[in-house]
Amino acid sequence: TKDIARTIIADIVAKLMQKLEQKTAEAIRGALDRSKRTNRPRARDIDWQRTISANLRHYQPEHKTIVPEKLVGFMRKQRRLV
């Protein structure tokens, strides 16, 4: 019976950790604010669709690539723990 109780408690703790993990991470990092833009985004905040559109004039046909001169990204909401 102790083994059964331990497995049940472990399942409950795992589910609770999974629920709280995203909220805690967003509170620490700050959630993405997709309504505001920045020209100095972090790597994970880059809006690739807008960055590519803004840099189409920098297309290099010999390499078949776009060299982004200007990055466009999303701002983050203010960081706070609730």
PDB file of N, CA and C in Angstrom:
ATOM      1  N   THR A   1       0.805  -1.204   0.000  1.00  0.00           N
ATOM      2  CA  THR A   1       0.000   0.000   0.000  1.00  0.00           C
ATOM      3  C   THR A   1       0.849   1.270   0.000  1.00  0.00           C
ATOM      4  N   LYS A   2       2.033   1.210   0.629  1.00  0.00           N
ATOM      5  CA  LYS A   2       2.915   2.378   0.584  1.00  0.00           C
ATOM      6  C   LYS A   2       3.406   2.623  -0.833  1.00  0.00           C
ATOM      7  N   ASP A   3       3.687   1.551  -1.556  1.00  0.00           N
ATOM      8  CA  ASP A   3       4.150   1.698  -2.938  1.00  0.00           C
ATOM      9  C   ASP A   3       3.067   2.322  -3.815  1.00  0.00           C
ATOM     10  N   ILE A   4       1.836   1.909  -3.618  1.00  0.00           N
ATOM     11  CA  ILE A   4       0.723   2.462  -4.391  1.00  0.00           C
ATOM     12  C   ILE A   4       0.548   3.946  -4.066  1.00  0.00           C
ATOM     13  N   ALA A   5       0.625   4.284  -2.787  1.00  0.00           N
ATOM     14  CA  ALA A   5       0.492   5.689  -2.379  1.00  0.00           C
ATOM     15  C   ALA A   5       1.617   6.529  -2.977  1.00  0.00           C
ATOM     16  N   ARG A   6       2.825   5.989  -2.995  1.00  0.00           N
ATOM     17  CA  ARG A   6       3.958   6.731  -3.565  1.00  0.00           C
ATOM     18  C   ARG A   6       3.778   6.975  -5.057  1.00  0.00           C
ATOM     19  N   THR A   7       3.286   5.989  -5.780  1.00  0.00           N
ATOM     20  CA  THR A   7       3.084   6.178  -7.220  1.00  0.00           C
ATOM     21  C   THR A   7       1.969   7.190  -7.490  1.00  0.00           C
ATOM     22  N   ILE A   8       0.907   7.143  -6.682  1.00  0.00           N
ATOM     23  CA  ILE A   8      -0.185   8.109  -6.854  1.00  0.00           C
ATOM     24  C   ILE A   8       0.311   9.519  -6.562  1.00  0.00           C
ATOM     25  N   ILE A   9       1.052   9.680  -5.484  1.00  0.00           N
ATOM     26  CA  ILE A   9       1.590  10.998  -5.126  1.00  0.00           C
ATOM     27  C   ILE A   9       2.565  11.486  -6.190  1.00  0.00           C
ATOM     28  N   ALA A  10       3.393  10.594  -6.715  1.00  0.00           N
ATOM     29  CA  ALA A  10       4.341  10.978  -7.767  1.00  0.00           C
ATOM     30  C   ALA A  10       3.601  11.460  -9.014  1.00  0.00           C
ATOM     31  N   ASP A  11       2.499  10.799  -9.372  1.00  0.00           N
ATOM     32  CA  ASP A  11       1.693  11.228 -10.525  1.00  0.00           C
ATOM     33  C   ASP A  11       1.083  12.606 -10.293  1.00  0.00           C
ATOM     34  N   ILE A  12       0.541  12.807  -9.092  1.00  0.00           N
ATOM     35  CA  ILE A  12      -0.075  14.101  -8.773  1.00  0.00           C
ATOM     36  C   ILE A  12       0.967  15.211  -8.809  1.00  0.00           C
ATOM     37  N   VAL A  13       2.136  14.961  -8.243  1.00  0.00           N
ATOM     38  CA  VAL A  13       3.205  15.963  -8.232  1.00  0.00           C
ATOM     39  C   VAL A  13       3.666  16.269  -9.654  1.00  0.00           C
ATOM     40  N   ALA A  14       3.791  15.252 -10.499  1.00  0.00           N
ATOM     41  CA  ALA A  14       4.225  15.468 -11.884  1.00  0.00           C
ATOM     42  C   ALA A  14       3.212  16.328 -12.643  1.00  0.00           C
ATOM     43  N   LYS A  15       1.923  16.052 -12.462  1.00  0.00           N
ATOM     44  CA  LYS A  15       0.889  16.844 -13.137  1.00  0.00           C
ATOM     45  C   LYS A  15       0.884  18.286 -12.638  1.00  0.00           C
ATOM     46  N   LEU A  16       1.043  18.459 -11.334  1.00  0.00           N
ATOM     47  CA  LEU A  16       1.068  19.803 -10.756  1.00  0.00           C
ATOM     48  C   LEU A  16       2.282  20.592 -11.242  1.00  0.00           C
ATOM     49  N   MET A  17       3.434  19.944 -11.301  1.00  0.00           N
ATOM     50  CA  MET A  17       4.652  20.599 -11.798  1.00  0.00           C
ATOM     51  C   MET A  17       4.476  21.019 -13.252  1.00  0.00           C
ATOM     52  N   GLN A  18       3.853  20.174 -14.044  1.00  0.00           N
ATOM     53  CA  GLN A  18       3.634  20.482 -15.455  1.00  0.00           C
ATOM     54  C   GLN A  18       2.732  21.701 -15.614  1.00  0.00           C
ATOM     55  N   LYS A  19       1.685  21.808 -14.784  1.00  0.00           N
ATOM     56  CA  LYS A  19       0.775  22.952 -14.855  1.00  0.00           C
ATOM     57  C   LYS A  19       1.472  24.246 -14.445  1.00  0.00           C
ATOM     58  N   LEU A  20       2.267  24.184 -13.403  1.00  0.00           N
ATOM     59  CA  LEU A  20       2.903  25.391 -12.867  1.00  0.00           C
ATOM     60  C   LEU A  20       4.139  25.815 -13.648  1.00  0.00           C
ATOM     61  N   GLU A  21       4.743  24.901 -14.382  1.00  0.00           N
ATOM     62  CA  GLU A  21       6.004  25.190 -15.071  1.00  0.00           C
ATOM     63  C   GLU A  21       5.864  26.327 -16.084  1.00  0.00           C
ATOM     64  N   GLN A  22       4.843  26.287 -16.913  1.00  0.00           N
ATOM     65  CA  GLN A  22       4.695  27.308 -17.954  1.00  0.00           C
ATOM     66  C   GLN A  22       4.395  28.678 -17.350  1.00  0.00           C
ATOM     67  N   LYS A  23       3.506  28.730 -16.368  1.00  0.00           N
ATOM     68  CA  LYS A  23       3.179  30.012 -15.740  1.00  0.00           C
ATOM     69  C   LYS A  23       4.405  30.613 -15.059  1.00  0.00           C
ATOM     70  N   THR A  24       5.178  29.784 -14.394  1.00  0.00           N
ATOM     71  CA  THR A  24       6.368  30.274 -13.706  1.00  0.00           C
ATOM     72  C   THR A  24       7.404  30.750 -14.707  1.00  0.00           C
ATOM     73  N   ALA A  25       7.608  30.005 -15.777  1.00  0.00           N
ATOM     74  CA  ALA A  25       8.591  30.396 -16.790  1.00  0.00           C
ATOM     75  C   ALA A  25       8.199  31.714 -17.444  1.00  0.00           C
ATOM     76  N   GLU A  26       6.916  31.902 -17.762  1.00  0.00           N
ATOM     77  CA  GLU A  26       6.465  33.159 -18.361  1.00  0.00           C
ATOM     78  C   GLU A  26       6.624  34.316 -17.390  1.00  0.00           C
ATOM     79  N   ALA A  27       6.392  34.053 -16.111  1.00  0.00           N
ATOM     80  CA  ALA A  27       6.535  35.120 -15.122  1.00  0.00           C
ATOM     81  C   ALA A  27       7.997  35.533 -14.978  1.00  0.00           C
ATOM     82  N   ILE A  28       8.890  34.577 -15.093  1.00  0.00           N
ATOM     83  CA  ILE A  28      10.315  34.887 -14.955  1.00  0.00           C
ATOM     84  C   ILE A  28      10.850  35.546 -16.222  1.00  0.00           C
ATOM     85  N   ARG A  29      10.534  34.989 -17.385  1.00  0.00           N
ATOM     86  CA  ARG A  29      11.036  35.538 -18.654  1.00  0.00           C
ATOM     87  C   ARG A  29      10.229  36.726 -19.132  1.00  0.00           C
ATOM     88  N   GLY A  30       8.959  36.751 -18.811  1.00  0.00           N
ATOM     89  CA  GLY A  30       8.039  37.743 -19.368  1.00  0.00           C
ATOM     90  C   GLY A  30       7.389  37.122 -20.595  1.00  0.00           C
ATOM     91  N   ALA A  31       6.076  37.157 -20.667  1.00  0.00           N
ATOM     92  CA  ALA A  31       5.367  36.553 -21.794  1.00  0.00           C
ATOM     93  C   ALA A  31       5.519  37.427 -23.031  1.00  0.00           C
ATOM     94  N   LEU A  32       5.449  36.816 -24.210  1.00  0.00           N
ATOM     95  CA  LEU A  32       5.542  37.581 -25.453  1.00  0.00           C
ATOM     96  C   LEU A  32       4.343  38.504 -25.589  1.00  0.00           C
ATOM     97  N   ASP A  33       4.604  39.732 -25.997  1.00  0.00           N
ATOM     98  CA  ASP A  33       3.542  40.694 -26.277  1.00  0.00           C
ATOM     99  C   ASP A  33       3.534  40.889 -27.787  1.00  0.00           C
ATOM    100  N   ARG A  34       2.690  40.134 -28.482  1.00  0.00           N
ATOM    101  CA  ARG A  34       2.706  40.127 -29.943  1.00  0.00           C
ATOM    102  C   ARG A  34       2.154  41.413 -30.555  1.00  0.00           C
ATOM    103  N   SER A  35       1.599  42.307 -29.741  1.00  0.00           N
ATOM    104  CA  SER A  35       1.072  43.559 -30.283  1.00  0.00           C
ATOM    105  C   SER A  35       2.152  44.630 -30.393  1.00  0.00           C
ATOM    106  N   LYS A  36       3.300  44.429 -29.750  1.00  0.00           N
ATOM    107  CA  LYS A  36       4.381  45.420 -29.793  1.00  0.00           C
ATOM    108  C   LYS A  36       5.596  44.820 -30.484  1.00  0.00           C
ATOM    109  N   ARG A  37       6.340  45.654 -31.191  1.00  0.00           N
ATOM    110  CA  ARG A  37       7.523  45.218 -31.940  1.00  0.00           C
ATOM    111  C   ARG A  37       8.781  45.846 -31.361  1.00  0.00           C
ATOM    112  N   THR A  38       9.904  45.181 -31.601  1.00  0.00           N
ATOM    113  CA  THR A  38      11.201  45.720 -31.215  1.00  0.00           C
ATOM    114  C   THR A  38      12.192  45.456 -32.340  1.00  0.00           C
ATOM    115  N   ASN A  39      13.189  46.322 -32.480  1.00  0.00           N
ATOM    116  CA  ASN A  39      14.230  46.133 -33.491  1.00  0.00           C
ATOM    117  C   ASN A  39      15.461  45.446 -32.915  1.00  0.00           C
ATOM    118  N   ARG A  40      15.416  45.125 -31.630  1.00  0.00           N
ATOM    119  CA  ARG A  40      16.527  44.427 -30.989  1.00  0.00           C
ATOM    120  C   ARG A  40      16.006  43.204 -30.230  1.00  0.00           C
ATOM    121  N   PRO A  41      15.441  42.223 -30.941  1.00  0.00           N
ATOM    122  CA  PRO A  41      14.860  41.073 -30.249  1.00  0.00           C
ATOM    123  C   PRO A  41      15.918  40.060 -29.823  1.00  0.00           C
ATOM    124  N   ARG A  42      15.567  39.284 -28.818  1.00  0.00           N
ATOM    125  CA  ARG A  42      16.384  38.126 -28.456  1.00  0.00           C
ATOM    126  C   ARG A  42      16.124  37.049 -29.512  1.00  0.00           C
ATOM    127  N   ALA A  43      16.950  36.044 -29.533  1.00  0.00           N
ATOM    128  CA  ALA A  43      16.842  35.011 -30.573  1.00  0.00           C
ATOM    129  C   ALA A  43      15.465  34.353 -30.581  1.00  0.00           C
ATOM    130  N   ARG A  44      14.924  34.060 -29.428  1.00  0.00           N
ATOM    131  CA  ARG A  44      13.633  33.360 -29.396  1.00  0.00           C
ATOM    132  C   ARG A  44      12.443  34.285 -29.609  1.00  0.00           C
ATOM    133  N   ASP A  45      12.680  35.614 -29.641  1.00  0.00           N
ATOM    134  CA  ASP A  45      11.587  36.566 -29.816  1.00  0.00           C
ATOM    135  C   ASP A  45      11.489  37.104 -31.241  1.00  0.00           C
ATOM    136  N   ILE A  46      12.300  36.599 -32.162  1.00  0.00           N
ATOM    137  CA  ILE A  46      12.314  37.120 -33.532  1.00  0.00           C
ATOM    138  C   ILE A  46      11.030  36.729 -34.261  1.00  0.00           C
ATOM    139  N   ASP A  47      10.425  37.705 -34.923  1.00  0.00           N
ATOM    140  CA  ASP A  47       9.266  37.472 -35.787  1.00  0.00           C
ATOM    141  C   ASP A  47       9.838  37.217 -37.186  1.00  0.00           C
ATOM    142  N   TRP A  48      10.013  35.945 -37.533  1.00  0.00           N
ATOM    143  CA  TRP A  48      10.719  35.592 -38.764  1.00  0.00           C
ATOM    144  C   TRP A  48       9.990  36.075 -40.008  1.00  0.00           C
ATOM    145  N   GLN A  49       8.684  36.028 -40.010  1.00  0.00           N
ATOM    146  CA  GLN A  49       7.930  36.447 -41.196  1.00  0.00           C
ATOM    147  C   GLN A  49       8.172  37.931 -41.483  1.00  0.00           C
ATOM    148  N   ARG A  50       8.090  38.782 -40.478  1.00  0.00           N
ATOM    149  CA  ARG A  50       8.326  40.214 -40.679  1.00  0.00           C
ATOM    150  C   ARG A  50       9.798  40.511 -40.946  1.00  0.00           C
ATOM    151  N   THR A  51      10.700  39.765 -40.325  1.00  0.00           N
ATOM    152  CA  THR A  51      12.129  39.982 -40.557  1.00  0.00           C
ATOM    153  C   THR A  51      12.476  39.679 -42.006  1.00  0.00           C
ATOM    154  N   ILE A  52      11.960  38.580 -42.544  1.00  0.00           N
ATOM    155  CA  ILE A  52      12.239  38.221 -43.935  1.00  0.00           C
ATOM    156  C   ILE A  52      11.638  39.255 -44.880  1.00  0.00           C
ATOM    157  N   SER A  53      10.382  39.682 -44.615  1.00  0.00           N
ATOM    158  CA  SER A  53       9.769  40.696 -45.491  1.00  0.00           C
ATOM    159  C   SER A  53      10.537  42.007 -45.460  1.00  0.00           C
ATOM    160  N   ALA A  54      11.034  42.393 -44.297  1.00  0.00           N
ATOM    161  CA  ALA A  54      11.750  43.666 -44.179  1.00  0.00           C
ATOM    162  C   ALA A  54      13.127  43.615 -44.834  1.00  0.00           C
ATOM    163  N   ASN A  55      13.646  42.417 -45.077  1.00  0.00           N
ATOM    164  CA  ASN A  55      14.999  42.286 -45.607  1.00  0.00           C
ATOM    165  C   ASN A  55      15.051  41.671 -47.002  1.00  0.00           C
ATOM    166  N   LEU A  56      13.938  41.652 -47.726  1.00  0.00           N
ATOM    167  CA  LEU A  56      13.930  41.077 -49.073  1.00  0.00           C
ATOM    168  C   LEU A  56      14.875  41.813 -50.017  1.00  0.00           C
ATOM    169  N   ARG A  57      15.106  43.080 -49.788  1.00  0.00           N
ATOM    170  CA  ARG A  57      16.018  43.839 -50.664  1.00  0.00           C
ATOM    171  C   ARG A  57      17.474  43.389 -50.497  1.00  0.00           C
ATOM    172  N   HIS A  58      17.754  42.627 -49.450  1.00  0.00           N
ATOM    173  CA  HIS A  58      19.118  42.154 -49.212  1.00  0.00           C
ATOM    174  C   HIS A  58      19.316  40.715 -49.695  1.00  0.00           C
ATOM    175  N   TYR A  59      18.456  40.284 -50.618  1.00  0.00           N
ATOM    176  CA  TYR A  59      18.574  38.938 -51.183  1.00  0.00           C
ATOM    177  C   TYR A  59      19.848  38.847 -52.012  1.00  0.00           C
ATOM    178  N   GLN A  60      20.595  37.756 -51.832  1.00  0.00           N
ATOM    179  CA  GLN A  60      21.827  37.546 -52.585  1.00  0.00           C
ATOM    180  C   GLN A  60      21.639  36.342 -53.500  1.00  0.00           C
ATOM    181  N   PRO A  61      21.424  36.600 -54.806  1.00  0.00           N
ATOM    182  CA  PRO A  61      21.116  35.503 -55.729  1.00  0.00           C
ATOM    183  C   PRO A  61      22.241  34.479 -55.861  1.00  0.00           C
ATOM    184  N   GLU A  62      23.497  34.909 -55.750  1.00  0.00           N
ATOM    185  CA  GLU A  62      24.594  33.938 -55.902  1.00  0.00           C
ATOM    186  C   GLU A  62      24.616  32.920 -54.760  1.00  0.00           C
ATOM    187  N   HIS A  63      24.118  33.307 -53.590  1.00  0.00           N
ATOM    188  CA  HIS A  63      24.045  32.386 -52.449  1.00  0.00           C
ATOM    189  C   HIS A  63      22.626  31.869 -52.213  1.00  0.00           C
ATOM    190  N   LYS A  64      21.660  32.437 -52.949  1.00  0.00           N
ATOM    191  CA  LYS A  64      20.243  32.091 -52.799  1.00  0.00           C
ATOM    192  C   LYS A  64      19.794  32.221 -51.342  1.00  0.00           C
ATOM    193  N   THR A  65      20.113  33.356 -50.755  1.00  0.00           N
ATOM    194  CA  THR A  65      19.758  33.580 -49.356  1.00  0.00           C
ATOM    195  C   THR A  65      19.472  35.055 -49.095  1.00  0.00           C
ATOM    196  N   ILE A  66      18.807  35.316 -48.001  1.00  0.00           N
ATOM    197  CA  ILE A  66      18.549  36.686 -47.554  1.00  0.00           C
ATOM    198  C   ILE A  66      19.443  36.944 -46.354  1.00  0.00           C
ATOM    199  N   VAL A  67      20.167  38.041 -46.396  1.00  0.00           N
ATOM    200  CA  VAL A  67      20.994  38.425 -45.259  1.00  0.00           C
ATOM    201  C   VAL A  67      20.216  39.479 -44.472  1.00  0.00           C
ATOM    202  N   PRO A  68      19.730  39.131 -43.287  1.00  0.00           N
ATOM    203  CA  PRO A  68      18.935  40.101 -42.539  1.00  0.00           C
ATOM    204  C   PRO A  68      19.800  41.213 -41.955  1.00  0.00           C
ATOM    205  N   GLU A  69      19.538  42.435 -42.392  1.00  0.00           N
ATOM    206  CA  GLU A  69      20.253  43.590 -41.855  1.00  0.00           C
ATOM    207  C   GLU A  69      19.477  44.181 -40.689  1.00  0.00           C
ATOM    208  N   LYS A  70      18.166  43.963 -40.687  1.00  0.00           N
ATOM    209  CA  LYS A  70      17.314  44.515 -39.639  1.00  0.00           C
ATOM    210  C   LYS A  70      16.448  43.385 -39.088  1.00  0.00           C
ATOM    211  N   LEU A  71      16.536  43.142 -37.795  1.00  0.00           N
ATOM    212  CA  LEU A  71      15.711  42.124 -37.162  1.00  0.00           C
ATOM    213  C   LEU A  71      14.447  42.766 -36.607  1.00  0.00           C
ATOM    214  N   VAL A  72      13.342  42.048 -36.735  1.00  0.00           N
ATOM    215  CA  VAL A  72      12.069  42.506 -36.181  1.00  0.00           C
ATOM    216  C   VAL A  72      11.596  41.425 -35.225  1.00  0.00           C
ATOM    217  N   GLY A  73      11.200  41.827 -34.038  1.00  0.00           N
ATOM    218  CA  GLY A  73      10.770  40.836 -33.057  1.00  0.00           C
ATOM    219  C   GLY A  73       9.641  41.337 -32.189  1.00  0.00           C
ATOM    220  N   PHE A  74       9.199  40.453 -31.321  1.00  0.00           N
ATOM    221  CA  PHE A  74       8.128  40.768 -30.391  1.00  0.00           C
ATOM    222  C   PHE A  74       8.728  41.288 -29.093  1.00  0.00           C
ATOM    223  N   MET A  75       8.022  42.217 -28.463  1.00  0.00           N
ATOM    224  CA  MET A  75       8.415  42.684 -27.134  1.00  0.00           C
ATOM    225  C   MET A  75       7.937  41.649 -26.121  1.00  0.00           C
ATOM    226  N   ARG A  76       8.383  41.797 -24.903  1.00  0.00           N
ATOM    227  CA  ARG A  76       7.904  40.944 -23.821  1.00  0.00           C
ATOM    228  C   ARG A  76       7.123  41.780 -22.832  1.00  0.00           C
ATOM    229  N   LYS A  77       6.115  41.157 -22.253  1.00  0.00           N
ATOM    230  CA  LYS A  77       5.348  41.851 -21.219  1.00  0.00           C
ATOM    231  C   LYS A  77       6.229  41.986 -19.990  1.00  0.00           C
ATOM    232  N   GLN A  78       5.849  42.871 -19.111  1.00  0.00           N
ATOM    233  CA  GLN A  78       6.649  43.112 -17.916  1.00  0.00           C
ATOM    234  C   GLN A  78       6.761  41.835 -17.098  1.00  0.00           C
ATOM    235  N   ARG A  79       7.950  41.586 -16.583  1.00  0.00           N
ATOM    236  CA  ARG A  79       8.162  40.398 -15.768  1.00  0.00           C
ATOM    237  C   ARG A  79       7.612  40.642 -14.376  1.00  0.00           C
ATOM    238  N   ARG A  80       6.839  39.681 -13.880  1.00  0.00           N
ATOM    239  CA  ARG A  80       6.350  39.782 -12.510  1.00  0.00           C
ATOM    240  C   ARG A  80       5.815  38.437 -12.075  1.00  0.00           C
ATOM    241  N   LEU A  81       5.971  38.146 -10.822  1.00  0.00           N
ATOM    242  CA  LEU A  81       5.408  36.931 -10.249  1.00  0.00           C
ATOM    243  C   LEU A  81       4.085  37.281  -9.598  1.00  0.00           C
ATOM    244  N   VAL A  82       3.090  36.456  -9.870  1.00  0.00           N
ATOM    245  CA  VAL A  82       1.753  36.734  -9.329  1.00  0.00           C
ATOM    246  C   VAL A  82       1.569  35.979  -8.043  1.00  0.00           C
TER     247      VAL A  82
END
